Amino acid sequence: MNVASETTRSLIVFGRDDSHKPHASVFLLPEVEAAENAAKLMGMHSHRVEPGEASDIVMRLPAGKLFDSGRAFVPFVKAETYQRIAALAGVADERDSGSGDNKAADSPENASAGSPEAVAGHGGGDSGGGAAGGNGGDLWAKLAVGDMVLASEGPDEGYFEARIMKAKAKGIFTLKFRDYPDAPQVDRSYYQLGLIHPRLLAKK
């Protein structure tokens, strides 16, 4: 097996979660069998990519990660991207069109996840503690162990719900991604975190 084949994006794993939000990621040729097994374990779909097939989609998908548990890290993607993947694989999109959950990663609440200022701005009319405080400049100062925030898994990745496990010096927090319990904990600075509106937190 040559180097080129080992780095070929060869499999797409995709599916919707319990909230009907779309996830998808791509895996390299050596990971195909393990990724297919992970997809089955997680109730997701997999599609083997033929050389040159839908390169505009394949090359833009986030890279997946395999865990020792047999599961995989499959990030959020935009609804439009997911629909194109489903069509490519010949799989019916399982979205519940009447549930209102098809907003997925490109919905207002998720689209603003990468911009803490945008998220904080949504809290103008609410009062209370934590992320609901009235002074936007103090919101990140109120973060504490146990709080749920939005954090990125890495460059070019989306933002995901994560719980603060430890508060360190200089505004550094140790986080654990809520939907990926097998993923290692990560450290992020306060300015890399997005806040979740308290109305959404109340539903969790």
N, C-alpha and C. Protein backbone atom coordinates (compact mmCIF):
# COMPACT_ATOMS: atom_id res chain seq x y z
N MET A 1 0.85 -1.19 0.00
CA MET A 1 0.00 0.00 0.00
C MET A 1 0.88 1.24 0.00
N ASN A 2 0.72 2.14 -0.94
CA ASN A 2 1.56 3.32 -1.01
C ASN A 2 1.03 4.43 -0.13
N VAL A 3 1.84 5.50 -0.02
CA VAL A 3 1.47 6.61 0.86
C VAL A 3 0.19 7.28 0.40
N ALA A 4 0.06 7.41 -0.93
CA ALA A 4 -1.13 8.08 -1.46
C ALA A 4 -2.41 7.36 -1.05
N SER A 5 -2.38 6.02 -1.11
CA SER A 5 -3.59 5.28 -0.76
C SER A 5 -3.89 5.36 0.72
N GLU A 6 -2.84 5.44 1.55
CA GLU A 6 -3.05 5.50 2.99
C GLU A 6 -3.67 6.82 3.42
N THR A 7 -3.53 7.84 2.62
CA THR A 7 -4.09 9.15 2.97
C THR A 7 -5.33 9.48 2.14
N THR A 8 -5.84 8.48 1.41
CA THR A 8 -7.03 8.70 0.59
C THR A 8 -8.28 8.71 1.47
N ARG A 9 -9.11 9.71 1.30
CA ARG A 9 -10.38 9.77 2.03
C ARG A 9 -11.33 8.77 1.39
N SER A 10 -11.61 7.70 2.11
CA SER A 10 -12.26 6.55 1.49
C SER A 10 -13.63 6.18 2.03
N LEU A 11 -14.03 6.73 3.15
CA LEU A 11 -15.32 6.35 3.74
C LEU A 11 -15.95 7.54 4.44
N ILE A 12 -17.25 7.71 4.20
CA ILE A 12 -18.02 8.73 4.91
C ILE A 12 -18.93 8.03 5.92
N VAL A 13 -18.87 8.47 7.15
CA VAL A 13 -19.81 8.00 8.18
C VAL A 13 -20.76 9.16 8.47
N PHE A 14 -22.05 8.90 8.44
CA PHE A 14 -23.01 9.97 8.62
C PHE A 14 -24.29 9.46 9.26
N GLY A 15 -25.02 10.35 9.87
CA GLY A 15 -26.29 10.01 10.50
C GLY A 15 -26.80 11.16 11.33
N ARG A 16 -28.04 11.05 11.75
CA ARG A 16 -28.65 12.07 12.61
C ARG A 16 -28.71 11.56 14.05
N ASP A 17 -28.55 12.47 15.00
CA ASP A 17 -28.61 12.08 16.40
C ASP A 17 -30.06 12.08 16.88
N ASP A 18 -30.25 11.89 18.17
CA ASP A 18 -31.61 11.81 18.72
C ASP A 18 -32.40 13.10 18.56
N SER A 19 -31.68 14.21 18.36
CA SER A 19 -32.34 15.49 18.14
C SER A 19 -32.47 15.81 16.66
N HIS A 20 -32.19 14.82 15.82
CA HIS A 20 -32.28 14.95 14.36
C HIS A 20 -31.22 15.89 13.79
N LYS A 21 -30.18 16.18 14.54
CA LYS A 21 -29.12 17.03 14.03
C LYS A 21 -28.13 16.18 13.23
N PRO A 22 -27.67 16.70 12.08
CA PRO A 22 -26.83 15.90 11.18
C PRO A 22 -25.35 15.86 11.58
N HIS A 23 -24.76 14.68 11.46
CA HIS A 23 -23.34 14.49 11.72
C HIS A 23 -22.73 13.79 10.51
N ALA A 24 -21.47 14.08 10.23
CA ALA A 24 -20.77 13.36 9.16
C ALA A 24 -19.27 13.60 9.31
N SER A 25 -18.50 12.61 8.92
CA SER A 25 -17.05 12.78 8.88
C SER A 25 -16.48 11.77 7.89
N VAL A 26 -15.24 11.97 7.53
CA VAL A 26 -14.60 11.12 6.53
C VAL A 26 -13.41 10.40 7.15
N PHE A 27 -13.16 9.19 6.69
CA PHE A 27 -12.08 8.37 7.22
C PHE A 27 -11.15 7.91 6.10
N LEU A 28 -9.89 7.69 6.46
CA LEU A 28 -8.89 7.29 5.49
C LEU A 28 -8.99 5.80 5.19
N LEU A 29 -8.34 5.39 4.11
CA LEU A 29 -8.43 4.00 3.64
C LEU A 29 -8.09 2.97 4.72
N PRO A 30 -7.01 3.14 5.50
CA PRO A 30 -6.71 2.13 6.53
C PRO A 30 -7.75 2.04 7.64
N GLU A 31 -8.62 3.06 7.73
CA GLU A 31 -9.60 3.11 8.80
C GLU A 31 -10.97 2.60 8.38
N VAL A 32 -11.12 2.22 7.12
CA VAL A 32 -12.43 1.93 6.55
C VAL A 32 -13.19 0.87 7.35
N GLU A 33 -12.60 -0.28 7.57
CA GLU A 33 -13.32 -1.37 8.25
C GLU A 33 -13.70 -0.99 9.67
N ALA A 34 -12.77 -0.38 10.40
CA ALA A 34 -13.07 0.01 11.78
C ALA A 34 -14.15 1.09 11.80
N ALA A 35 -14.10 2.01 10.83
CA ALA A 35 -15.11 3.08 10.78
C ALA A 35 -16.48 2.53 10.42
N GLU A 36 -16.52 1.53 9.53
CA GLU A 36 -17.80 0.91 9.20
C GLU A 36 -18.39 0.22 10.42
N ASN A 37 -17.56 -0.44 11.19
CA ASN A 37 -18.04 -1.09 12.41
C ASN A 37 -18.52 -0.05 13.42
N ALA A 38 -17.81 1.08 13.51
CA ALA A 38 -18.22 2.14 14.42
C ALA A 38 -19.58 2.70 14.00
N ALA A 39 -19.77 2.85 12.70
CA ALA A 39 -21.05 3.36 12.20
C ALA A 39 -22.19 2.43 12.61
N LYS A 40 -21.99 1.14 12.47
CA LYS A 40 -23.03 0.17 12.87
C LYS A 40 -23.30 0.26 14.36
N LEU A 41 -22.21 0.38 15.14
CA LEU A 41 -22.35 0.44 16.59
C LEU A 41 -23.14 1.67 17.03
N MET A 42 -22.97 2.77 16.31
CA MET A 42 -23.63 4.03 16.68
C MET A 42 -24.94 4.25 15.95
N GLY A 43 -25.35 3.29 15.13
CA GLY A 43 -26.61 3.43 14.41
C GLY A 43 -26.54 4.44 13.29
N MET A 44 -25.35 4.60 12.71
CA MET A 44 -25.17 5.55 11.61
C MET A 44 -24.97 4.81 10.29
N HIS A 45 -24.87 5.58 9.22
CA HIS A 45 -24.65 5.03 7.89
C HIS A 45 -23.19 5.18 7.50
N SER A 46 -22.75 4.39 6.55
CA SER A 46 -21.41 4.55 5.99
C SER A 46 -21.48 4.40 4.47
N HIS A 47 -20.60 5.10 3.80
CA HIS A 47 -20.57 5.06 2.34
C HIS A 47 -19.13 5.04 1.88
N ARG A 48 -18.74 3.99 1.17
CA ARG A 48 -17.39 3.93 0.62
C ARG A 48 -17.29 4.83 -0.60
N VAL A 49 -16.27 5.66 -0.61
CA VAL A 49 -16.11 6.67 -1.66
C VAL A 49 -15.24 6.12 -2.79
N GLU A 50 -15.77 6.16 -4.00
CA GLU A 50 -14.99 5.76 -5.17
C GLU A 50 -14.00 6.87 -5.51
N PRO A 51 -12.86 6.53 -6.11
CA PRO A 51 -11.87 7.55 -6.48
C PRO A 51 -12.51 8.66 -7.32
N GLY A 52 -12.34 9.89 -6.89
CA GLY A 52 -12.87 11.03 -7.61
C GLY A 52 -14.34 11.31 -7.39
N GLU A 53 -15.01 10.49 -6.60
CA GLU A 53 -16.44 10.65 -6.38
C GLU A 53 -16.72 11.83 -5.44
N ALA A 54 -17.56 12.73 -5.91
CA ALA A 54 -18.03 13.86 -5.08
C ALA A 54 -16.90 14.50 -4.29
N SER A 55 -15.80 14.80 -4.98
CA SER A 55 -14.64 15.34 -4.28
C SER A 55 -14.94 16.67 -3.60
N ASP A 56 -15.89 17.44 -4.15
CA ASP A 56 -16.23 18.72 -3.53
C ASP A 56 -16.84 18.54 -2.15
N ILE A 57 -17.49 17.39 -1.93
CA ILE A 57 -18.04 17.09 -0.60
C ILE A 57 -16.98 16.43 0.26
N VAL A 58 -16.35 15.41 -0.28
CA VAL A 58 -15.41 14.59 0.49
C VAL A 58 -14.26 15.41 1.06
N MET A 59 -13.70 16.30 0.26
CA MET A 59 -12.53 17.05 0.69
C MET A 59 -12.87 18.12 1.73
N ARG A 60 -14.15 18.45 1.86
CA ARG A 60 -14.54 19.49 2.82
C ARG A 60 -15.07 18.92 4.14
N LEU A 61 -15.26 17.63 4.18
CA LEU A 61 -15.77 17.02 5.42
C LEU A 61 -14.70 16.97 6.49
N PRO A 62 -15.09 17.12 7.75
CA PRO A 62 -14.12 16.99 8.84
C PRO A 62 -13.65 15.55 8.97
N ALA A 63 -12.42 15.38 9.37
CA ALA A 63 -11.87 14.04 9.57
C ALA A 63 -12.44 13.43 10.84
N GLY A 64 -12.85 12.17 10.75
CA GLY A 64 -13.36 11.48 11.93
C GLY A 64 -12.22 10.90 12.76
N LYS A 65 -12.56 10.47 13.94
CA LYS A 65 -11.58 9.84 14.83
C LYS A 65 -12.16 8.55 15.38
N LEU A 66 -11.33 7.53 15.48
CA LEU A 66 -11.76 6.25 16.03
C LEU A 66 -11.29 6.12 17.47
N PHE A 67 -12.16 5.57 18.31
CA PHE A 67 -11.84 5.38 19.72
C PHE A 67 -11.66 3.90 20.03
N ASP A 68 -10.95 3.63 21.11
CA ASP A 68 -10.71 2.25 21.53
C ASP A 68 -12.02 1.52 21.85
N SER A 69 -13.05 2.26 22.18
CA SER A 69 -14.34 1.66 22.51
C SER A 69 -15.05 1.08 21.29
N GLY A 70 -14.53 1.40 20.10
CA GLY A 70 -15.17 0.94 18.87
C GLY A 70 -16.07 1.99 18.26
N ARG A 71 -16.29 3.09 18.98
CA ARG A 71 -17.10 4.18 18.46
C ARG A 71 -16.21 5.18 17.74
N ALA A 72 -16.81 6.22 17.20
CA ALA A 72 -16.05 7.21 16.44
C ALA A 72 -16.55 8.61 16.72
N PHE A 73 -15.69 9.56 16.49
CA PHE A 73 -16.05 10.98 16.61
C PHE A 73 -16.55 11.44 15.25
N VAL A 74 -17.83 11.82 15.19
CA VAL A 74 -18.47 12.25 13.94
C VAL A 74 -19.12 13.60 14.22
N PRO A 75 -18.48 14.70 13.81
CA PRO A 75 -18.95 16.04 14.15
C PRO A 75 -20.24 16.44 13.44
N PHE A 76 -20.79 17.57 13.90
CA PHE A 76 -21.93 18.17 13.22
C PHE A 76 -21.52 18.65 11.83
N VAL A 77 -22.46 18.62 10.90
CA VAL A 77 -22.28 19.26 9.59
C VAL A 77 -23.54 20.04 9.26
N LYS A 78 -23.46 20.88 8.26
CA LYS A 78 -24.63 21.65 7.84
C LYS A 78 -25.67 20.72 7.23
N ALA A 79 -26.93 21.11 7.36
CA ALA A 79 -28.02 20.30 6.84
C ALA A 79 -27.88 20.08 5.34
N GLU A 80 -27.48 21.10 4.63
CA GLU A 80 -27.32 20.98 3.18
C GLU A 80 -26.26 19.95 2.82
N THR A 81 -25.14 19.98 3.56
CA THR A 81 -24.07 19.01 3.33
C THR A 81 -24.56 17.60 3.60
N TYR A 82 -25.30 17.44 4.70
CA TYR A 82 -25.80 16.12 5.06
C TYR A 82 -26.75 15.58 3.99
N GLN A 83 -27.60 16.43 3.49
CA GLN A 83 -28.56 16.00 2.46
C GLN A 83 -27.84 15.55 1.19
N ARG A 84 -26.75 16.23 0.86
CA ARG A 84 -25.97 15.83 -0.32
C ARG A 84 -25.30 14.48 -0.10
N ILE A 85 -24.82 14.25 1.12
CA ILE A 85 -24.19 12.97 1.44
C ILE A 85 -25.22 11.84 1.37
N ALA A 86 -26.39 12.08 1.95
CA ALA A 86 -27.45 11.07 1.94
C ALA A 86 -27.84 10.72 0.51
N ALA A 87 -27.95 11.75 -0.34
CA ALA A 87 -28.30 11.51 -1.74
C ALA A 87 -27.20 10.73 -2.45
N LEU A 88 -25.95 11.06 -2.14
CA LEU A 88 -24.82 10.37 -2.74
C LEU A 88 -24.82 8.89 -2.37
N ALA A 89 -25.16 8.60 -1.11
CA ALA A 89 -25.15 7.23 -0.62
C ALA A 89 -26.45 6.49 -0.93
N GLY A 90 -27.44 7.21 -1.46
CA GLY A 90 -28.72 6.58 -1.75
C GLY A 90 -29.49 6.21 -0.50
N VAL A 91 -29.33 7.03 0.54
CA VAL A 91 -30.00 6.78 1.82
C VAL A 91 -31.03 7.87 2.06
N ALA A 92 -32.21 7.48 2.50
CA ALA A 92 -33.25 8.46 2.81
C ALA A 92 -32.84 9.27 4.03
N ASP A 93 -33.06 10.58 3.96
CA ASP A 93 -32.75 11.45 5.09
C ASP A 93 -33.78 11.22 6.17
N GLU A 94 -33.32 10.86 7.38
CA GLU A 94 -34.24 10.50 8.46
C GLU A 94 -34.82 11.70 9.18
N ARG A 95 -34.54 12.91 8.72
CA ARG A 95 -34.98 14.08 9.47
C ARG A 95 -36.51 14.07 9.64
N ASP A 96 -36.93 14.55 10.78
CA ASP A 96 -38.36 14.68 11.06
C ASP A 96 -38.77 16.08 10.65
N SER A 97 -39.33 16.25 9.47
CA SER A 97 -39.61 17.58 8.94
C SER A 97 -40.60 18.35 9.78
N GLY A 98 -41.37 17.68 10.63
CA GLY A 98 -42.36 18.39 11.44
C GLY A 98 -41.88 18.73 12.82
N SER A 99 -40.66 18.32 13.17
CA SER A 99 -40.21 18.51 14.54
C SER A 99 -39.56 19.85 14.77
N GLY A 100 -39.13 20.51 13.67
CA GLY A 100 -38.43 21.79 13.82
C GLY A 100 -36.99 21.62 14.21
N ASP A 101 -36.48 20.37 14.26
CA ASP A 101 -35.10 20.14 14.67
C ASP A 101 -34.15 20.09 13.50
N ASN A 102 -34.63 20.36 12.29
CA ASN A 102 -33.78 20.28 11.12
C ASN A 102 -32.89 21.49 10.97
N LYS A 103 -32.87 22.36 11.98
CA LYS A 103 -32.01 23.52 11.93
C LYS A 103 -30.56 23.10 11.96
N ALA A 104 -30.25 22.06 12.73
CA ALA A 104 -28.94 21.44 12.78
C ALA A 104 -27.84 22.46 12.96
N ALA A 105 -26.67 22.15 12.32
CA ALA A 105 -25.49 22.95 12.58
C ALA A 105 -25.57 24.33 11.97
N ASP A 106 -26.48 24.58 11.04
CA ASP A 106 -26.56 25.91 10.45
C ASP A 106 -27.72 26.72 11.02
N SER A 107 -28.28 26.29 12.16
CA SER A 107 -29.34 27.04 12.81
C SER A 107 -28.74 28.24 13.52
N PRO A 108 -29.55 29.25 13.89
CA PRO A 108 -29.01 30.43 14.55
C PRO A 108 -28.25 30.10 15.82
N GLU A 109 -28.79 29.18 16.65
CA GLU A 109 -28.10 28.92 17.89
C GLU A 109 -26.78 28.21 17.68
N ASN A 110 -26.69 27.35 16.66
CA ASN A 110 -25.44 26.66 16.39
C ASN A 110 -24.52 27.50 15.54
N ALA A 111 -25.07 28.30 14.64
CA ALA A 111 -24.24 29.12 13.78
C ALA A 111 -23.46 30.14 14.60
N SER A 112 -24.02 30.58 15.71
CA SER A 112 -23.37 31.58 16.53
C SER A 112 -22.42 30.96 17.54
N ALA A 113 -22.33 29.64 17.53
CA ALA A 113 -21.51 28.98 18.55
C ALA A 113 -20.06 29.39 18.47
N GLY A 114 -19.55 29.68 17.28
CA GLY A 114 -18.15 30.04 17.15
C GLY A 114 -17.89 31.48 17.54
N SER A 115 -18.89 32.24 17.85
CA SER A 115 -18.72 33.65 18.20
C SER A 115 -19.30 33.92 19.57
N PRO A 116 -18.46 33.90 20.61
CA PRO A 116 -18.97 34.13 21.96
C PRO A 116 -19.72 35.44 22.08
N GLU A 117 -19.28 36.49 21.35
CA GLU A 117 -19.96 37.77 21.44
C GLU A 117 -21.39 37.65 20.94
N ALA A 118 -21.57 36.87 19.85
CA ALA A 118 -22.91 36.71 19.29
C ALA A 118 -23.82 35.97 20.26
N VAL A 119 -23.26 34.94 20.91
CA VAL A 119 -24.07 34.17 21.86
C VAL A 119 -24.45 35.03 23.05
N ALA A 120 -23.49 35.79 23.56
CA ALA A 120 -23.77 36.63 24.72
C ALA A 120 -24.83 37.65 24.39
N GLY A 121 -24.83 38.14 23.17
CA GLY A 121 -25.78 39.16 22.78
C GLY A 121 -27.21 38.69 22.82
N HIS A 122 -27.43 37.37 22.76
CA HIS A 122 -28.79 36.84 22.79
C HIS A 122 -29.40 36.91 24.18
N GLY A 123 -28.58 37.19 25.19
CA GLY A 123 -29.10 37.15 26.56
C GLY A 123 -29.57 38.48 27.08
N GLY A 124 -29.72 39.47 26.20
CA GLY A 124 -30.01 40.83 26.65
C GLY A 124 -31.25 40.94 27.51
N GLY A 125 -32.31 40.18 27.24
CA GLY A 125 -33.56 40.38 27.96
C GLY A 125 -33.74 39.49 29.15
N ASP A 126 -32.77 38.63 29.44
CA ASP A 126 -32.93 37.68 30.53
C ASP A 126 -32.13 38.14 31.73
N SER A 127 -32.55 37.69 32.90
CA SER A 127 -31.82 38.00 34.11
C SER A 127 -31.60 36.71 34.86
N GLY A 128 -30.67 36.75 35.81
CA GLY A 128 -30.38 35.56 36.58
C GLY A 128 -28.89 35.35 36.67
N GLY A 129 -28.47 34.20 37.23
CA GLY A 129 -27.06 33.94 37.43
C GLY A 129 -26.43 33.27 36.24
N GLY A 130 -25.14 32.99 36.39
CA GLY A 130 -24.40 32.26 35.37
C GLY A 130 -24.38 33.01 34.06
N ALA A 131 -24.60 32.25 32.98
CA ALA A 131 -24.50 32.83 31.64
C ALA A 131 -25.65 33.78 31.35
N ALA A 132 -26.61 33.89 32.24
CA ALA A 132 -27.75 34.77 31.99
C ALA A 132 -27.56 36.15 32.55
N GLY A 133 -26.38 36.45 33.11
CA GLY A 133 -26.14 37.74 33.72
C GLY A 133 -26.34 38.88 32.75
N GLY A 134 -26.66 40.05 33.26
CA GLY A 134 -26.97 41.17 32.39
C GLY A 134 -25.75 41.84 31.80
N ASN A 135 -24.57 41.73 32.43
CA ASN A 135 -23.38 42.39 31.95
C ASN A 135 -22.59 41.45 31.07
N GLY A 136 -22.62 41.66 29.73
CA GLY A 136 -21.96 40.75 28.82
C GLY A 136 -20.48 40.59 29.09
N GLY A 137 -19.82 41.66 29.63
CA GLY A 137 -18.41 41.58 29.88
C GLY A 137 -18.05 40.62 31.00
N ASP A 138 -19.00 40.27 31.86
CA ASP A 138 -18.72 39.41 33.01
C ASP A 138 -19.13 37.95 32.78
N LEU A 139 -19.75 37.63 31.65
CA LEU A 139 -20.30 36.30 31.46
C LEU A 139 -19.23 35.22 31.57
N TRP A 140 -18.10 35.40 30.94
CA TRP A 140 -17.08 34.36 30.96
C TRP A 140 -16.41 34.26 32.33
N ALA A 141 -16.43 35.37 33.09
CA ALA A 141 -15.85 35.35 34.43
C ALA A 141 -16.68 34.50 35.38
N LYS A 142 -17.94 34.26 35.03
CA LYS A 142 -18.83 33.49 35.90
C LYS A 142 -18.80 32.00 35.62
N LEU A 143 -18.04 31.58 34.61
CA LEU A 143 -17.98 30.16 34.30
C LEU A 143 -17.38 29.38 35.47
N ALA A 144 -17.94 28.20 35.72
CA ALA A 144 -17.48 27.40 36.85
C ALA A 144 -17.56 25.91 36.50
N VAL A 145 -16.93 25.10 37.31
CA VAL A 145 -16.96 23.64 37.12
C VAL A 145 -18.40 23.16 37.08
N GLY A 146 -18.73 22.35 36.09
CA GLY A 146 -20.07 21.83 35.94
C GLY A 146 -20.89 22.56 34.90
N ASP A 147 -20.46 23.76 34.51
CA ASP A 147 -21.21 24.52 33.51
C ASP A 147 -21.07 23.87 32.13
N MET A 148 -22.12 24.02 31.32
CA MET A 148 -22.10 23.54 29.94
C MET A 148 -21.78 24.71 29.01
N VAL A 149 -20.81 24.50 28.13
CA VAL A 149 -20.40 25.54 27.19
C VAL A 149 -20.29 24.93 25.79
N LEU A 150 -19.90 25.75 24.84
CA LEU A 150 -19.65 25.29 23.48
C LEU A 150 -18.16 25.42 23.19
N ALA A 151 -17.57 24.35 22.67
CA ALA A 151 -16.14 24.36 22.40
C ALA A 151 -15.85 23.61 21.10
N SER A 152 -14.76 23.99 20.46
CA SER A 152 -14.36 23.33 19.22
C SER A 152 -13.41 22.19 19.53
N GLU A 153 -13.56 21.10 18.78
CA GLU A 153 -12.68 19.95 18.96
C GLU A 153 -11.30 20.23 18.38
N GLY A 154 -11.23 21.14 17.43
CA GLY A 154 -9.94 21.47 16.83
C GLY A 154 -10.13 22.37 15.62
N PRO A 155 -9.03 22.77 14.97
CA PRO A 155 -9.13 23.62 13.78
C PRO A 155 -10.04 23.00 12.72
N ASP A 156 -10.86 23.84 12.10
CA ASP A 156 -11.77 23.42 11.03
C ASP A 156 -12.89 22.51 11.51
N GLU A 157 -13.04 22.35 12.82
CA GLU A 157 -14.12 21.54 13.36
C GLU A 157 -15.25 22.46 13.83
N GLY A 158 -16.42 21.89 14.04
CA GLY A 158 -17.54 22.67 14.55
C GLY A 158 -17.43 22.84 16.06
N TYR A 159 -18.45 23.44 16.63
CA TYR A 159 -18.51 23.63 18.08
C TYR A 159 -19.51 22.65 18.68
N PHE A 160 -19.16 22.10 19.85
CA PHE A 160 -19.95 21.05 20.48
C PHE A 160 -20.15 21.37 21.96
N GLU A 161 -21.23 20.81 22.50
CA GLU A 161 -21.50 21.02 23.92
C GLU A 161 -20.47 20.27 24.76
N ALA A 162 -19.91 20.97 25.72
CA ALA A 162 -18.89 20.38 26.59
C ALA A 162 -19.10 20.87 28.01
N ARG A 163 -18.78 20.01 28.96
CA ARG A 163 -18.95 20.38 30.37
C ARG A 163 -17.59 20.73 30.96
N ILE A 164 -17.56 21.79 31.75
CA ILE A 164 -16.32 22.19 32.41
C ILE A 164 -16.03 21.22 33.56
N MET A 165 -14.88 20.56 33.49
CA MET A 165 -14.50 19.58 34.49
C MET A 165 -13.53 20.16 35.53
N LYS A 166 -12.75 21.17 35.09
CA LYS A 166 -11.75 21.75 35.98
C LYS A 166 -11.44 23.18 35.53
N ALA A 167 -11.28 24.07 36.49
CA ALA A 167 -10.89 25.45 36.20
C ALA A 167 -9.43 25.63 36.60
N LYS A 168 -8.62 26.07 35.65
CA LYS A 168 -7.19 26.25 35.90
C LYS A 168 -6.85 27.74 35.94
N ALA A 169 -5.59 28.01 36.12
CA ALA A 169 -5.13 29.40 36.19
C ALA A 169 -5.22 30.07 34.82
N LYS A 170 -5.27 31.39 34.83
CA LYS A 170 -5.26 32.22 33.62
C LYS A 170 -6.42 31.94 32.69
N GLY A 171 -7.57 31.57 33.26
CA GLY A 171 -8.77 31.41 32.44
C GLY A 171 -8.78 30.17 31.57
N ILE A 172 -8.03 29.15 31.95
CA ILE A 172 -8.01 27.89 31.20
C ILE A 172 -8.98 26.91 31.86
N PHE A 173 -9.78 26.23 31.03
CA PHE A 173 -10.74 25.25 31.54
C PHE A 173 -10.49 23.89 30.90
N THR A 174 -10.62 22.84 31.69
CA THR A 174 -10.57 21.48 31.17
C THR A 174 -12.00 21.04 30.88
N LEU A 175 -12.23 20.55 29.66
CA LEU A 175 -13.58 20.24 29.20
C LEU A 175 -13.72 18.79 28.80
N LYS A 176 -14.95 18.28 28.90
CA LYS A 176 -15.30 16.96 28.39
C LYS A 176 -16.51 17.11 27.48
N PHE A 177 -16.38 16.66 26.22
CA PHE A 177 -17.48 16.79 25.27
C PHE A 177 -18.64 15.89 25.68
N ARG A 178 -19.82 16.48 25.75
CA ARG A 178 -21.00 15.78 26.27
C ARG A 178 -21.36 14.55 25.45
N ASP A 179 -21.39 14.68 24.13
CA ASP A 179 -21.86 13.59 23.28
C ASP A 179 -20.77 12.61 22.88
N TYR A 180 -19.53 12.86 23.36
CA TYR A 180 -18.42 11.97 23.01
C TYR A 180 -17.65 11.60 24.28
N PRO A 181 -18.26 10.75 25.12
CA PRO A 181 -17.65 10.40 26.40
C PRO A 181 -16.31 9.69 26.26
N ASP A 182 -16.05 9.08 25.09
CA ASP A 182 -14.79 8.38 24.90
C ASP A 182 -13.66 9.32 24.48
N ALA A 183 -14.01 10.52 24.07
CA ALA A 183 -13.00 11.48 23.62
C ALA A 183 -12.21 11.99 24.83
N PRO A 184 -10.90 12.22 24.66
CA PRO A 184 -10.11 12.74 25.79
C PRO A 184 -10.54 14.15 26.16
N GLN A 185 -10.34 14.51 27.40
CA GLN A 185 -10.64 15.86 27.85
C GLN A 185 -9.66 16.83 27.19
N VAL A 186 -10.11 18.06 27.00
CA VAL A 186 -9.29 19.07 26.35
C VAL A 186 -9.24 20.33 27.19
N ASP A 187 -8.20 21.11 27.02
CA ASP A 187 -8.08 22.40 27.70
C ASP A 187 -8.36 23.52 26.70
N ARG A 188 -9.18 24.47 27.11
CA ARG A 188 -9.49 25.62 26.27
C ARG A 188 -9.48 26.89 27.13
N SER A 189 -9.03 27.98 26.52
CA SER A 189 -9.08 29.27 27.21
C SER A 189 -10.50 29.81 27.17
N TYR A 190 -10.83 30.67 28.11
CA TYR A 190 -12.20 31.20 28.20
C TYR A 190 -12.64 31.87 26.90
N TYR A 191 -11.70 32.53 26.19
CA TYR A 191 -12.10 33.24 24.98
C TYR A 191 -12.35 32.31 23.80
N GLN A 192 -12.05 31.01 23.97
CA GLN A 192 -12.33 30.03 22.93
C GLN A 192 -13.69 29.36 23.14
N LEU A 193 -14.40 29.75 24.17
CA LEU A 193 -15.66 29.10 24.52
C LEU A 193 -16.86 29.95 24.14
N GLY A 194 -17.90 29.29 23.68
CA GLY A 194 -19.17 29.94 23.43
C GLY A 194 -20.12 29.63 24.58
N LEU A 195 -21.02 30.55 24.85
CA LEU A 195 -22.00 30.37 25.92
C LEU A 195 -23.33 29.91 25.36
N ILE A 196 -24.03 29.12 26.13
CA ILE A 196 -25.35 28.60 25.74
C ILE A 196 -26.41 29.41 26.47
N HIS A 197 -27.40 29.84 25.73
CA HIS A 197 -28.46 30.64 26.35
C HIS A 197 -29.14 29.83 27.46
N PRO A 198 -29.43 30.45 28.60
CA PRO A 198 -30.03 29.73 29.73
C PRO A 198 -31.35 29.05 29.40
N ARG A 199 -32.10 29.57 28.43
CA ARG A 199 -33.36 28.91 28.05
C ARG A 199 -33.10 27.54 27.45
N LEU A 200 -32.00 27.43 26.71
CA LEU A 200 -31.64 26.13 26.14
C LEU A 200 -31.10 25.20 27.22
N LEU A 201 -30.33 25.76 28.15
CA LEU A 201 -29.79 24.94 29.23
C LEU A 201 -30.90 24.35 30.08
N ALA A 202 -31.99 25.11 30.23
CA ALA A 202 -33.11 24.65 31.06
C ALA A 202 -33.79 23.43 30.48
N LYS A 203 -33.62 23.20 29.15
CA LYS A 203 -34.27 22.07 28.49
C LYS A 203 -33.44 20.80 28.57
N LYS A 204 -32.18 20.92 29.03
CA LYS A 204 -31.28 19.77 29.00
C LYS A 204 -31.40 18.95 30.26
